[in-house]
Structure formats: C-alpha cells, structure tokens
C-alpha cells in the first residue's frame, strides 16, 4: 500500500547489515557494511542557541551541512567551514563536529563548492 510502512519490509531491509556471531550467538554488525552505515549516519552538534547538522545523501556520497540559530531560524546550507571572523558560532560548531567525528566526515577541501 502506498504511503504505508511495512514492518516486515523494514526488518528485511535492515537485516543485510547484521549477522549472527558464530562463537557467541550474538547479533553483530557485518564488518563489510560498517562503512555504509557510517556514511549514511546523520550527525549534529548543538550549542545553547545553534545547531549544525550533517545530512548524508541516500543516493551518493555527498553530505549537506545545515546551520540554524535562534537569531536566524531558517536553516542555511554551508558549503565549507564558515569564516570565524564573520560567523564565529557556525565555525565553532563546524570545528566541534569535525573533532567529534574525525575521519567520518568529508574535510572542507573535499566538499563541492556551491
């Protein structure tokens, strides 16, 4: 049915990421799928008044960085590390995000220019 989520379909879809560990019988993530899981994981950092989110594409390896703050609520897309002189809070959150997830996110130089 269109617009309906099938729980059995979701289980089948997610099952490709897991396997039974033969020595313990525990369910574990398939090591070969770990890169794919990390690549599609959404991440964010928060401060008291701002949020910077990383949203990966489901169709390719690109990511979108969105920044919002209480002073300027509509999210805006970032195409790289913000200038600390003109956008200090966004730059601070950018640095915090990169420090928290080293190697998991594209570096500033790997991002496509808008």
PDB file of N, CA and C in Angstrom:
ATOM      1  N   UNK A   1       0.850  -1.184   0.000  1.00  0.00           N
ATOM      2  CA  UNK A   1       0.000   0.000   0.000  1.00  0.00           C
ATOM      3  C   UNK A   1       0.888   1.237   0.000  1.00  0.00           C
ATOM      4  N   UNK A   2       0.564   2.170  -0.849  1.00  0.00           N
ATOM      5  CA  UNK A   2       1.346   3.384  -0.963  1.00  0.00           C
ATOM      6  C   UNK A   2       1.207   4.228   0.302  1.00  0.00           C
ATOM      7  N   UNK A   3       2.337   4.734   0.781  1.00  0.00           N
ATOM      8  CA  UNK A   3       2.319   5.579   1.969  1.00  0.00           C
ATOM      9  C   UNK A   3       2.338   4.814   3.277  1.00  0.00           C
ATOM     10  N   UNK A   4       2.304   3.519   3.230  1.00  0.00           N
ATOM     11  CA  UNK A   4       2.331   2.695   4.446  1.00  0.00           C
ATOM     12  C   UNK A   4       3.700   2.062   4.590  1.00  0.00           C
ATOM     13  N   UNK A   5       4.160   1.958   5.820  1.00  0.00           N
ATOM     14  CA  UNK A   5       5.442   1.313   6.094  1.00  0.00           C
ATOM     15  C   UNK A   5       5.174  -0.102   6.574  1.00  0.00           C
ATOM     16  N   UNK A   6       5.821  -1.037   5.951  1.00  0.00           N
ATOM     17  CA  UNK A   6       5.684  -2.433   6.328  1.00  0.00           C
ATOM     18  C   UNK A   6       6.800  -2.778   7.305  1.00  0.00           C
ATOM     19  N   UNK A   7       6.439  -3.179   8.521  1.00  0.00           N
ATOM     20  CA  UNK A   7       7.474  -3.524   9.499  1.00  0.00           C
ATOM     21  C   UNK A   7       8.291  -4.720   9.037  1.00  0.00           C
ATOM     22  N   UNK A   8       7.673  -5.672   8.364  1.00  0.00           N
ATOM     23  CA  UNK A   8       8.433  -6.825   7.881  1.00  0.00           C
ATOM     24  C   UNK A   8       9.408  -6.397   6.787  1.00  0.00           C
ATOM     25  N   UNK A   9       9.001  -5.433   5.972  1.00  0.00           N
ATOM     26  CA  UNK A   9       9.898  -4.909   4.943  1.00  0.00           C
ATOM     27  C   UNK A   9      11.083  -4.193   5.554  1.00  0.00           C
ATOM     28  N   UNK A  10      10.849  -3.440   6.602  1.00  0.00           N
ATOM     29  CA  UNK A  10      11.933  -2.734   7.292  1.00  0.00           C
ATOM     30  C   UNK A  10      12.901  -3.717   7.942  1.00  0.00           C
ATOM     31  N   UNK A  11      12.391  -4.779   8.516  1.00  0.00           N
ATOM     32  CA  UNK A  11      13.249  -5.787   9.131  1.00  0.00           C
ATOM     33  C   UNK A  11      14.117  -6.442   8.064  1.00  0.00           C
ATOM     34  N   UNK A  12      13.521  -6.810   6.942  1.00  0.00           N
ATOM     35  CA  UNK A  12      14.288  -7.424   5.851  1.00  0.00           C
ATOM     36  C   UNK A  12      15.338  -6.462   5.316  1.00  0.00           C
ATOM     37  N   UNK A  13      14.965  -5.203   5.189  1.00  0.00           N
ATOM     38  CA  UNK A  13      15.886  -4.188   4.694  1.00  0.00           C
ATOM     39  C   UNK A  13      17.081  -4.016   5.641  1.00  0.00           C
ATOM     40  N   UNK A  14      16.826  -4.016   6.933  1.00  0.00           N
ATOM     41  CA  UNK A  14      17.886  -3.832   7.924  1.00  0.00           C
ATOM     42  C   UNK A  14      18.719  -5.075   8.173  1.00  0.00           C
ATOM     43  N   UNK A  15      18.170  -6.240   7.851  1.00  0.00           N
ATOM     44  CA  UNK A  15      18.865  -7.495   8.139  1.00  0.00           C
ATOM     45  C   UNK A  15      20.175  -7.636   7.378  1.00  0.00           C
ATOM     46  N   UNK A  16      20.306  -6.960   6.244  1.00  0.00           N
ATOM     47  CA  UNK A  16      21.549  -7.070   5.476  1.00  0.00           C
ATOM     48  C   UNK A  16      22.740  -6.484   6.213  1.00  0.00           C
ATOM     49  N   UNK A  17      22.487  -5.694   7.242  1.00  0.00           N
ATOM     50  CA  UNK A  17      23.572  -5.058   7.995  1.00  0.00           C
ATOM     51  C   UNK A  17      24.049  -5.891   9.189  1.00  0.00           C
ATOM     52  N   UNK A  18      23.357  -6.971   9.507  1.00  0.00           N
ATOM     53  CA  UNK A  18      23.669  -7.747  10.706  1.00  0.00           C
ATOM     54  C   UNK A  18      23.921  -9.210  10.376  1.00  0.00           C
ATOM     55  N   UNK A  19      24.628  -9.867  11.293  1.00  0.00           N
ATOM     56  CA  UNK A  19      24.885 -11.296  11.177  1.00  0.00           C
ATOM     57  C   UNK A  19      24.964 -11.883  12.582  1.00  0.00           C
ATOM     58  N   UNK A  20      24.848 -13.185  12.642  1.00  0.00           N
ATOM     59  CA  UNK A  20      24.973 -13.896  13.915  1.00  0.00           C
ATOM     60  C   UNK A  20      26.448 -14.253  14.105  1.00  0.00           C
ATOM     61  N   UNK A  21      27.011 -13.876  15.248  1.00  0.00           N
ATOM     62  CA  UNK A  21      28.397 -14.236  15.549  1.00  0.00           C
ATOM     63  C   UNK A  21      28.432 -15.722  15.898  1.00  0.00           C
ATOM     64  N   UNK A  22      29.170 -16.536  15.130  1.00  0.00           N
ATOM     65  CA  UNK A  22      29.144 -17.986  15.344  1.00  0.00           C
ATOM     66  C   UNK A  22      29.675 -18.418  16.712  1.00  0.00           C
ATOM     67  N   UNK A  23      30.636 -17.695  17.259  1.00  0.00           N
ATOM     68  CA  UNK A  23      31.222 -18.108  18.542  1.00  0.00           C
ATOM     69  C   UNK A  23      30.352 -17.765  19.748  1.00  0.00           C
ATOM     70  N   UNK A  24      29.533 -16.696  19.645  1.00  0.00           N
ATOM     71  CA  UNK A  24      28.738 -16.286  20.800  1.00  0.00           C
ATOM     72  C   UNK A  24      27.233 -16.406  20.577  1.00  0.00           C
ATOM     73  N   UNK A  25      26.796 -16.422  19.325  1.00  0.00           N
ATOM     74  CA  UNK A  25      25.367 -16.434  19.048  1.00  0.00           C
ATOM     75  C   UNK A  25      24.742 -15.049  19.117  1.00  0.00           C
ATOM     76  N   UNK A  26      25.547 -14.036  19.379  1.00  0.00           N
ATOM     77  CA  UNK A  26      25.062 -12.658  19.457  1.00  0.00           C
ATOM     78  C   UNK A  26      24.924 -12.084  18.058  1.00  0.00           C
ATOM     79  N   UNK A  27      24.040 -11.136  17.925  1.00  0.00           N
ATOM     80  CA  UNK A  27      23.888 -10.420  16.661  1.00  0.00           C
ATOM     81  C   UNK A  27      24.917  -9.292  16.635  1.00  0.00           C
ATOM     82  N   UNK A  28      25.585  -9.153  15.510  1.00  0.00           N
ATOM     83  CA  UNK A  28      26.588  -8.089  15.376  1.00  0.00           C
ATOM     84  C   UNK A  28      26.458  -7.446  14.000  1.00  0.00           C
ATOM     85  N   UNK A  29      27.027  -6.250  13.876  1.00  0.00           N
ATOM     86  CA  UNK A  29      27.051  -5.563  12.587  1.00  0.00           C
ATOM     87  C   UNK A  29      28.026  -6.291  11.680  1.00  0.00           C
ATOM     88  N   UNK A  30      27.650  -6.475  10.436  1.00  0.00           N
ATOM     89  CA  UNK A  30      28.548  -7.082   9.451  1.00  0.00           C
ATOM     90  C   UNK A  30      29.704  -6.110   9.195  1.00  0.00           C
ATOM     91  N   UNK A  31      30.933  -6.534   9.451  1.00  0.00           N
ATOM     92  CA  UNK A  31      32.074  -5.620   9.257  1.00  0.00           C
ATOM     93  C   UNK A  31      32.124  -5.014   7.856  1.00  0.00           C
ATOM     94  N   UNK A  32      31.715  -5.767   6.847  1.00  0.00           N
ATOM     95  CA  UNK A  32      31.743  -5.251   5.470  1.00  0.00           C
ATOM     96  C   UNK A  32      30.731  -4.127   5.250  1.00  0.00           C
ATOM     97  N   UNK A  33      29.743  -3.998   6.112  1.00  0.00           N
ATOM     98  CA  UNK A  33      28.696  -2.974   5.965  1.00  0.00           C
ATOM     99  C   UNK A  33      28.942  -1.745   6.845  1.00  0.00           C
ATOM    100  N   UNK A  34      29.966  -1.775   7.686  1.00  0.00           N
ATOM    101  CA  UNK A  34      30.208  -0.677   8.627  1.00  0.00           C
ATOM    102  C   UNK A  34      30.440   0.647   7.915  1.00  0.00           C
ATOM    103  N   UNK A  35      31.198   0.633   6.823  1.00  0.00           N
ATOM    104  CA  UNK A  35      31.442   1.876   6.087  1.00  0.00           C
ATOM    105  C   UNK A  35      30.127   2.464   5.572  1.00  0.00           C
ATOM    106  N   UNK A  36      29.258   1.605   5.056  1.00  0.00           N
ATOM    107  CA  UNK A  36      27.964   2.058   4.536  1.00  0.00           C
ATOM    108  C   UNK A  36      27.093   2.658   5.648  1.00  0.00           C
ATOM    109  N   UNK A  37      27.124   2.033   6.803  1.00  0.00           N
ATOM    110  CA  UNK A  37      26.348   2.541   7.937  1.00  0.00           C
ATOM    111  C   UNK A  37      26.870   3.909   8.361  1.00  0.00           C
ATOM    112  N   UNK A  38      28.190   4.036   8.494  1.00  0.00           N
ATOM    113  CA  UNK A  38      28.774   5.318   8.883  1.00  0.00           C
ATOM    114  C   UNK A  38      28.498   6.406   7.851  1.00  0.00           C
ATOM    115  N   UNK A  39      28.521   6.035   6.578  1.00  0.00           N
ATOM    116  CA  UNK A  39      28.329   7.013   5.507  1.00  0.00           C
ATOM    117  C   UNK A  39      26.913   7.580   5.479  1.00  0.00           C
ATOM    118  N   UNK A  40      25.936   6.847   5.977  1.00  0.00           N
ATOM    119  CA  UNK A  40      24.552   7.323   5.948  1.00  0.00           C
ATOM    120  C   UNK A  40      24.060   7.805   7.310  1.00  0.00           C
ATOM    121  N   UNK A  41      24.942   7.851   8.272  1.00  0.00           N
ATOM    122  CA  UNK A  41      24.572   8.281   9.615  1.00  0.00           C
ATOM    123  C   UNK A  41      24.443   9.800   9.670  1.00  0.00           C
ATOM    124  N   UNK A  42      23.378  10.263  10.252  1.00  0.00           N
ATOM    125  CA  UNK A  42      23.183  11.702  10.446  1.00  0.00           C
ATOM    126  C   UNK A  42      23.834  12.112  11.758  1.00  0.00           C
ATOM    127  N   UNK A  43      24.437  13.277  11.734  1.00  0.00           N
ATOM    128  CA  UNK A  43      25.127  13.771  12.924  1.00  0.00           C
ATOM    129  C   UNK A  43      24.783  15.234  13.130  1.00  0.00           C
ATOM    130  N   UNK A  44      24.916  15.700  14.374  1.00  0.00           N
ATOM    131  CA  UNK A  44      24.672  17.112  14.670  1.00  0.00           C
ATOM    132  C   UNK A  44      25.423  17.506  15.921  1.00  0.00           C
ATOM    133  N   UNK A  45      25.708  18.784  16.017  1.00  0.00           N
ATOM    134  CA  UNK A  45      26.249  19.371  17.244  1.00  0.00           C
ATOM    135  C   UNK A  45      25.339  20.532  17.619  1.00  0.00           C
ATOM    136  N   UNK A  46      25.184  20.706  18.917  1.00  0.00           N
ATOM    137  CA  UNK A  46      24.295  21.731  19.448  1.00  0.00           C
ATOM    138  C   UNK A  46      25.034  22.646  20.401  1.00  0.00           C
ATOM    139  N   UNK A  47      24.623  23.877  20.408  1.00  0.00           N
ATOM    140  CA  UNK A  47      25.029  24.790  21.467  1.00  0.00           C
ATOM    141  C   UNK A  47      23.734  25.314  22.080  1.00  0.00           C
ATOM    142  N   UNK A  48      23.847  26.232  22.960  1.00  0.00           N
ATOM    143  CA  UNK A  48      22.649  26.771  23.611  1.00  0.00           C
ATOM    144  C   UNK A  48      21.689  27.394  22.594  1.00  0.00           C
ATOM    145  N   UNK A  49      22.233  28.043  21.576  1.00  0.00           N
ATOM    146  CA  UNK A  49      21.403  28.787  20.637  1.00  0.00           C
ATOM    147  C   UNK A  49      21.510  28.343  19.185  1.00  0.00           C
ATOM    148  N   UNK A  50      22.317  27.325  18.887  1.00  0.00           N
ATOM    149  CA  UNK A  50      22.559  26.963  17.484  1.00  0.00           C
ATOM    150  C   UNK A  50      22.641  25.456  17.295  1.00  0.00           C
ATOM    151  N   UNK A  51      22.515  25.051  16.030  1.00  0.00           N
ATOM    152  CA  UNK A  51      22.621  23.646  15.658  1.00  0.00           C
ATOM    153  C   UNK A  51      23.286  23.562  14.297  1.00  0.00           C
ATOM    154  N   UNK A  52      24.197  22.615  14.167  1.00  0.00           N
ATOM    155  CA  UNK A  52      24.810  22.301  12.882  1.00  0.00           C
ATOM    156  C   UNK A  52      24.586  20.814  12.640  1.00  0.00           C
ATOM    157  N   UNK A  53      23.901  20.491  11.542  1.00  0.00           N
ATOM    158  CA  UNK A  53      23.560  19.108  11.222  1.00  0.00           C
ATOM    159  C   UNK A  53      24.252  18.693   9.935  1.00  0.00           C
ATOM    160  N   UNK A  54      24.602  17.404   9.880  1.00  0.00           N
ATOM    161  CA  UNK A  54      25.173  16.806   8.677  1.00  0.00           C
ATOM    162  C   UNK A  54      24.173  15.766   8.198  1.00  0.00           C
ATOM    163  N   UNK A  55      23.716  15.936   6.963  1.00  0.00           N
ATOM    164  CA  UNK A  55      22.720  15.041   6.405  1.00  0.00           C
ATOM    165  C   UNK A  55      23.296  14.397   5.150  1.00  0.00           C
ATOM    166  N   UNK A  56      23.596  13.100   5.233  1.00  0.00           N
ATOM    167  CA  UNK A  56      24.154  12.412   4.055  1.00  0.00           C
ATOM    168  C   UNK A  56      23.077  12.121   3.027  1.00  0.00           C
ATOM    169  N   UNK A  57      23.491  12.093   1.781  1.00  0.00           N
ATOM    170  CA  UNK A  57      22.596  11.718   0.691  1.00  0.00           C
ATOM    171  C   UNK A  57      22.406  10.205   0.714  1.00  0.00           C
ATOM    172  N   UNK A  58      21.236   9.759   0.364  1.00  0.00           N
ATOM    173  CA  UNK A  58      20.970   8.323   0.262  1.00  0.00           C
ATOM    174  C   UNK A  58      21.359   7.787  -1.117  1.00  0.00           C
ATOM    175  N   UNK A  59      21.630   8.681  -2.068  1.00  0.00           N
ATOM    176  CA  UNK A  59      21.892   8.237  -3.433  1.00  0.00           C
ATOM    177  C   UNK A  59      23.354   8.318  -3.844  1.00  0.00           C
ATOM    178  N   UNK A  60      24.146   9.127  -3.173  1.00  0.00           N
ATOM    179  CA  UNK A  60      25.569   9.216  -3.499  1.00  0.00           C
ATOM    180  C   UNK A  60      26.340   9.520  -2.207  1.00  0.00           C
ATOM    181  N   UNK A  61      27.589   9.856  -2.321  1.00  0.00           N
ATOM    182  CA  UNK A  61      28.417  10.050  -1.130  1.00  0.00           C
ATOM    183  C   UNK A  61      28.504  11.504  -0.676  1.00  0.00           C
ATOM    184  N   UNK A  62      27.590  12.351  -1.136  1.00  0.00           N
ATOM    185  CA  UNK A  62      27.617  13.750  -0.729  1.00  0.00           C
ATOM    186  C   UNK A  62      26.927  13.940   0.614  1.00  0.00           C
ATOM    187  N   UNK A  63      27.263  15.030   1.278  1.00  0.00           N
ATOM    188  CA  UNK A  63      26.611  15.403   2.526  1.00  0.00           C
ATOM    189  C   UNK A  63      26.178  16.858   2.435  1.00  0.00           C
ATOM    190  N   UNK A  64      25.156  17.195   3.202  1.00  0.00           N
ATOM    191  CA  UNK A  64      24.686  18.568   3.301  1.00  0.00           C
ATOM    192  C   UNK A  64      24.883  19.020   4.739  1.00  0.00           C
ATOM    193  N   UNK A  65      25.496  20.174   4.908  1.00  0.00           N
ATOM    194  CA  UNK A  65      25.665  20.776   6.223  1.00  0.00           C
ATOM    195  C   UNK A  65      24.633  21.890   6.357  1.00  0.00           C
ATOM    196  N   UNK A  66      23.808  21.825   7.402  1.00  0.00           N
ATOM    197  CA  UNK A  66      22.804  22.849   7.650  1.00  0.00           C
ATOM    198  C   UNK A  66      23.045  23.485   9.011  1.00  0.00           C
ATOM    199  N   UNK A  67      23.006  24.809   9.055  1.00  0.00           N
ATOM    200  CA  UNK A  67      23.212  25.558  10.293  1.00  0.00           C
ATOM    201  C   UNK A  67      21.974  26.396  10.569  1.00  0.00           C
ATOM    202  N   UNK A  68      21.546  26.417  11.821  1.00  0.00           N
ATOM    203  CA  UNK A  68      20.438  27.266  12.241  1.00  0.00           C
ATOM    204  C   UNK A  68      20.742  27.819  13.627  1.00  0.00           C
ATOM    205  N   UNK A  69      20.169  28.974  13.911  1.00  0.00           N
ATOM    206  CA  UNK A  69      20.346  29.580  15.235  1.00  0.00           C
ATOM    207  C   UNK A  69      19.055  30.274  15.642  1.00  0.00           C
ATOM    208  N   UNK A  70      18.949  30.585  16.914  1.00  0.00           N
ATOM    209  CA  UNK A  70      17.755  31.294  17.391  1.00  0.00           C
ATOM    210  C   UNK A  70      17.641  32.674  16.758  1.00  0.00           C
ATOM    211  N   UNK A  71      18.774  33.298  16.485  1.00  0.00           N
ATOM    212  CA  UNK A  71      18.769  34.627  15.894  1.00  0.00           C
ATOM    213  C   UNK A  71      18.340  34.592  14.427  1.00  0.00           C
ATOM    214  N   UNK A  72      18.589  33.475  13.743  1.00  0.00           N
ATOM    215  CA  UNK A  72      18.261  33.329  12.328  1.00  0.00           C
ATOM    216  C   UNK A  72      17.757  31.904  12.093  1.00  0.00           C
ATOM    217  N   UNK A  73      16.495  31.639  12.456  1.00  0.00           N
ATOM    218  CA  UNK A  73      15.978  30.263  12.449  1.00  0.00           C
ATOM    219  C   UNK A  73      15.973  29.508  11.129  1.00  0.00           C
ATOM    220  N   UNK A  74      15.694  30.121   9.987  1.00  0.00           N
ATOM    221  CA  UNK A  74      15.687  29.291   8.771  1.00  0.00           C
ATOM    222  C   UNK A  74      17.059  28.651   8.544  1.00  0.00           C
ATOM    223  N   UNK A  75      17.114  27.332   8.376  1.00  0.00           N
ATOM    224  CA  UNK A  75      18.416  26.683   8.169  1.00  0.00           C
ATOM    225  C   UNK A  75      19.091  27.202   6.908  1.00  0.00           C
ATOM    226  N   UNK A  76      20.395  27.316   6.984  1.00  0.00           N
ATOM    227  CA  UNK A  76      21.147  27.695   5.790  1.00  0.00           C
ATOM    228  C   UNK A  76      22.214  26.646   5.528  1.00  0.00           C
ATOM    229  N   UNK A  77      22.432  26.399   4.268  1.00  0.00           N
ATOM    230  CA  UNK A  77      23.391  25.391   3.832  1.00  0.00           C
ATOM    231  C   UNK A  77      24.795  25.973   3.906  1.00  0.00           C
ATOM    232  N   UNK A  78      25.720  25.180   4.438  1.00  0.00           N
ATOM    233  CA  UNK A  78      27.125  25.571   4.478  1.00  0.00           C
ATOM    234  C   UNK A  78      27.870  24.777   3.411  1.00  0.00           C
ATOM    235  N   UNK A  79      28.726  25.445   2.668  1.00  0.00           N
ATOM    236  CA  UNK A  79      29.488  24.758   1.628  1.00  0.00           C
ATOM    237  C   UNK A  79      30.921  24.481   2.063  1.00  0.00           C
ATOM    238  N   UNK A  80      31.229  24.798   3.293  1.00  0.00           N
ATOM    239  CA  UNK A  80      32.556  24.584   3.855  1.00  0.00           C
ATOM    240  C   UNK A  80      32.620  25.238   5.224  1.00  0.00           C
ATOM    241  N   UNK A  81      33.798  25.215   5.819  1.00  0.00           N
ATOM    242  CA  UNK A  81      33.954  25.809   7.152  1.00  0.00           C
ATOM    243  C   UNK A  81      33.661  27.296   7.086  1.00  0.00           C
ATOM    244  N   UNK A  82      32.744  27.774   7.935  1.00  0.00           N
ATOM    245  CA  UNK A  82      32.433  29.199   7.944  1.00  0.00           C
ATOM    246  C   UNK A  82      33.626  30.033   8.409  1.00  0.00           C
ATOM    247  N   UNK A  83      33.643  31.259   7.987  1.00  0.00           N
ATOM    248  CA  UNK A  83      34.689  32.191   8.390  1.00  0.00           C
ATOM    249  C   UNK A  83      34.488  32.556   9.868  1.00  0.00           C
ATOM    250  N   UNK A  84      35.464  32.267  10.727  1.00  0.00           N
ATOM    251  CA  UNK A  84      35.300  32.557  12.153  1.00  0.00           C
ATOM    252  C   UNK A  84      35.114  34.052  12.456  1.00  0.00           C
ATOM    253  N   UNK A  85      35.641  34.925  11.609  1.00  0.00           N
ATOM    254  CA  UNK A  85      35.503  36.360  11.845  1.00  0.00           C
ATOM    255  C   UNK A  85      34.067  36.839  11.616  1.00  0.00           C
ATOM    256  N   UNK A  86      33.410  36.300  10.596  1.00  0.00           N
ATOM    257  CA  UNK A  86      32.056  36.753  10.284  1.00  0.00           C
ATOM    258  C   UNK A  86      30.962  35.822  10.800  1.00  0.00           C
ATOM    259  N   UNK A  87      31.314  34.587  11.140  1.00  0.00           N
ATOM    260  CA  UNK A  87      30.328  33.589  11.570  1.00  0.00           C
ATOM    261  C   UNK A  87      30.928  32.699  12.659  1.00  0.00           C
ATOM    262  N   UNK A  88      31.279  33.300  13.813  1.00  0.00           N
ATOM    263  CA  UNK A  88      32.032  32.549  14.825  1.00  0.00           C
ATOM    264  C   UNK A  88      31.320  31.325  15.393  1.00  0.00           C
ATOM    265  N   UNK A  89      30.003  31.410  15.607  1.00  0.00           N
ATOM    266  CA  UNK A  89      29.293  30.262  16.196  1.00  0.00           C
ATOM    267  C   UNK A  89      29.226  29.092  15.218  1.00  0.00           C
ATOM    268  N   UNK A  90      28.963  29.375  13.958  1.00  0.00           N
ATOM    269  CA  UNK A  90      28.919  28.312  12.957  1.00  0.00           C
ATOM    270  C   UNK A  90      30.305  27.682  12.798  1.00  0.00           C
ATOM    271  N   UNK A  91      31.354  28.491  12.817  1.00  0.00           N
ATOM    272  CA  UNK A  91      32.723  27.967  12.709  1.00  0.00           C
ATOM    273  C   UNK A  91      33.071  27.109  13.930  1.00  0.00           C
ATOM    274  N   UNK A  92      32.651  27.553  15.110  1.00  0.00           N
ATOM    275  CA  UNK A  92      32.926  26.793  16.343  1.00  0.00           C
ATOM    276  C   UNK A  92      32.229  25.437  16.299  1.00  0.00           C
ATOM    277  N   UNK A  93      30.975  25.417  15.861  1.00  0.00           N
ATOM    278  CA  UNK A  93      30.255  24.146  15.773  1.00  0.00           C
ATOM    279  C   UNK A  93      30.835  23.253  14.676  1.00  0.00           C
ATOM    280  N   UNK A  94      31.260  23.854  13.574  1.00  0.00           N
ATOM    281  CA  UNK A  94      31.915  23.092  12.500  1.00  0.00           C
ATOM    282  C   UNK A  94      33.140  22.372  13.057  1.00  0.00           C
ATOM    283  N   UNK A  95      33.977  23.114  13.781  1.00  0.00           N
ATOM    284  CA  UNK A  95      35.196  22.531  14.352  1.00  0.00           C
ATOM    285  C   UNK A  95      34.870  21.441  15.366  1.00  0.00           C
ATOM    286  N   UNK A  96      33.833  21.666  16.176  1.00  0.00           N
ATOM    287  CA  UNK A  96      33.430  20.667  17.174  1.00  0.00           C
ATOM    288  C   UNK A  96      32.942  19.388  16.494  1.00  0.00           C
ATOM    289  N   UNK A  97      32.205  19.542  15.414  1.00  0.00           N
ATOM    290  CA  UNK A  97      31.702  18.381  14.675  1.00  0.00           C
ATOM    291  C   UNK A  97      32.846  17.588  14.063  1.00  0.00           C
ATOM    292  N   UNK A  98      33.787  18.277  13.444  1.00  0.00           N
ATOM    293  CA  UNK A  98      34.937  17.604  12.843  1.00  0.00           C
ATOM    294  C   UNK A  98      35.793  16.914  13.918  1.00  0.00           C
ATOM    295  N   UNK A  99      35.936  17.560  15.078  1.00  0.00           N
ATOM    296  CA  UNK A  99      36.730  16.969  16.164  1.00  0.00           C
ATOM    297  C   UNK A  99      36.039  15.740  16.761  1.00  0.00           C
ATOM    298  N   UNK A 100      34.718  15.772  16.846  1.00  0.00           N
ATOM    299  CA  UNK A 100      33.962  14.666  17.442  1.00  0.00           C
ATOM    300  C   UNK A 100      33.934  13.440  16.532  1.00  0.00           C
ATOM    301  N   UNK A 101      33.948  13.659  15.217  1.00  0.00           N
ATOM    302  CA  UNK A 101      33.866  12.558  14.257  1.00  0.00           C
ATOM    303  C   UNK A 101      35.045  12.594  13.294  1.00  0.00           C
ATOM    304  N   UNK A 102      36.265  12.501  13.794  1.00  0.00           N
ATOM    305  CA  UNK A 102      37.428  12.605  12.906  1.00  0.00           C
ATOM    306  C   UNK A 102      37.452  11.470  11.875  1.00  0.00           C
ATOM    307  N   UNK A 103      37.642  11.851  10.617  1.00  0.00           N
ATOM    308  CA  UNK A 103      37.724  10.871   9.547  1.00  0.00           C
ATOM    309  C   UNK A 103      36.385  10.364   9.037  1.00  0.00           C
ATOM    310  N   UNK A 104      35.284  10.652   9.741  1.00  0.00           N
ATOM    311  CA  UNK A 104      33.964  10.166   9.318  1.00  0.00           C
ATOM    312  C   UNK A 104      33.261  11.128   8.368  1.00  0.00           C
ATOM    313  N   UNK A 105      33.670  12.385   8.358  1.00  0.00           N
ATOM    314  CA  UNK A 105      33.018  13.408   7.539  1.00  0.00           C
ATOM    315  C   UNK A 105      33.983  13.927   6.494  1.00  0.00           C
ATOM    316  N   UNK A 106      33.455  14.388   5.367  1.00  0.00           N
ATOM    317  CA  UNK A 106      34.355  14.969   4.374  1.00  0.00           C
ATOM    318  C   UNK A 106      35.050  16.203   4.953  1.00  0.00           C
ATOM    319  N   UNK A 107      36.307  16.375   4.626  1.00  0.00           N
ATOM    320  CA  UNK A 107      37.008  17.575   5.074  1.00  0.00           C
ATOM    321  C   UNK A 107      36.538  18.748   4.228  1.00  0.00           C
ATOM    322  N   UNK A 108      36.868  19.940   4.666  1.00  0.00           N
ATOM    323  CA  UNK A 108      36.482  21.152   3.962  1.00  0.00           C
ATOM    324  C   UNK A 108      36.918  21.116   2.503  1.00  0.00           C
ATOM    325  N   UNK A 109      38.108  20.601   2.255  1.00  0.00           N
ATOM    326  CA  UNK A 109      38.633  20.576   0.880  1.00  0.00           C
ATOM    327  C   UNK A 109      37.938  19.531   0.007  1.00  0.00           C
ATOM    328  N   UNK A 110      37.251  18.553   0.612  1.00  0.00           N
ATOM    329  CA  UNK A 110      36.568  17.508  -0.159  1.00  0.00           C
ATOM    330  C   UNK A 110      35.134  17.892  -0.531  1.00  0.00           C
ATOM    331  N   UNK A 111      34.631  18.985   0.027  1.00  0.00           N
ATOM    332  CA  UNK A 111      33.263  19.377  -0.244  1.00  0.00           C
ATOM    333  C   UNK A 111      33.146  20.076  -1.587  1.00  0.00           C
ATOM    334  N   UNK A 112      32.066  19.799  -2.320  1.00  0.00           N
ATOM    335  CA  UNK A 112      31.869  20.513  -3.581  1.00  0.00           C
ATOM    336  C   UNK A 112      31.579  21.976  -3.310  1.00  0.00           C
ATOM    337  N   UNK A 113      32.062  22.846  -4.133  1.00  0.00           N
ATOM    338  CA  UNK A 113      31.827  24.276  -3.975  1.00  0.00           C
ATOM    339  C   UNK A 113      30.485  24.647  -4.584  1.00  0.00           C
ATOM    340  N   UNK A 114      29.724  25.469  -3.875  1.00  0.00           N
ATOM    341  CA  UNK A 114      28.397  25.876  -4.347  1.00  0.00           C
ATOM    342  C   UNK A 114      28.494  27.223  -5.040  1.00  0.00           C
TER     343      UNK A 114
END
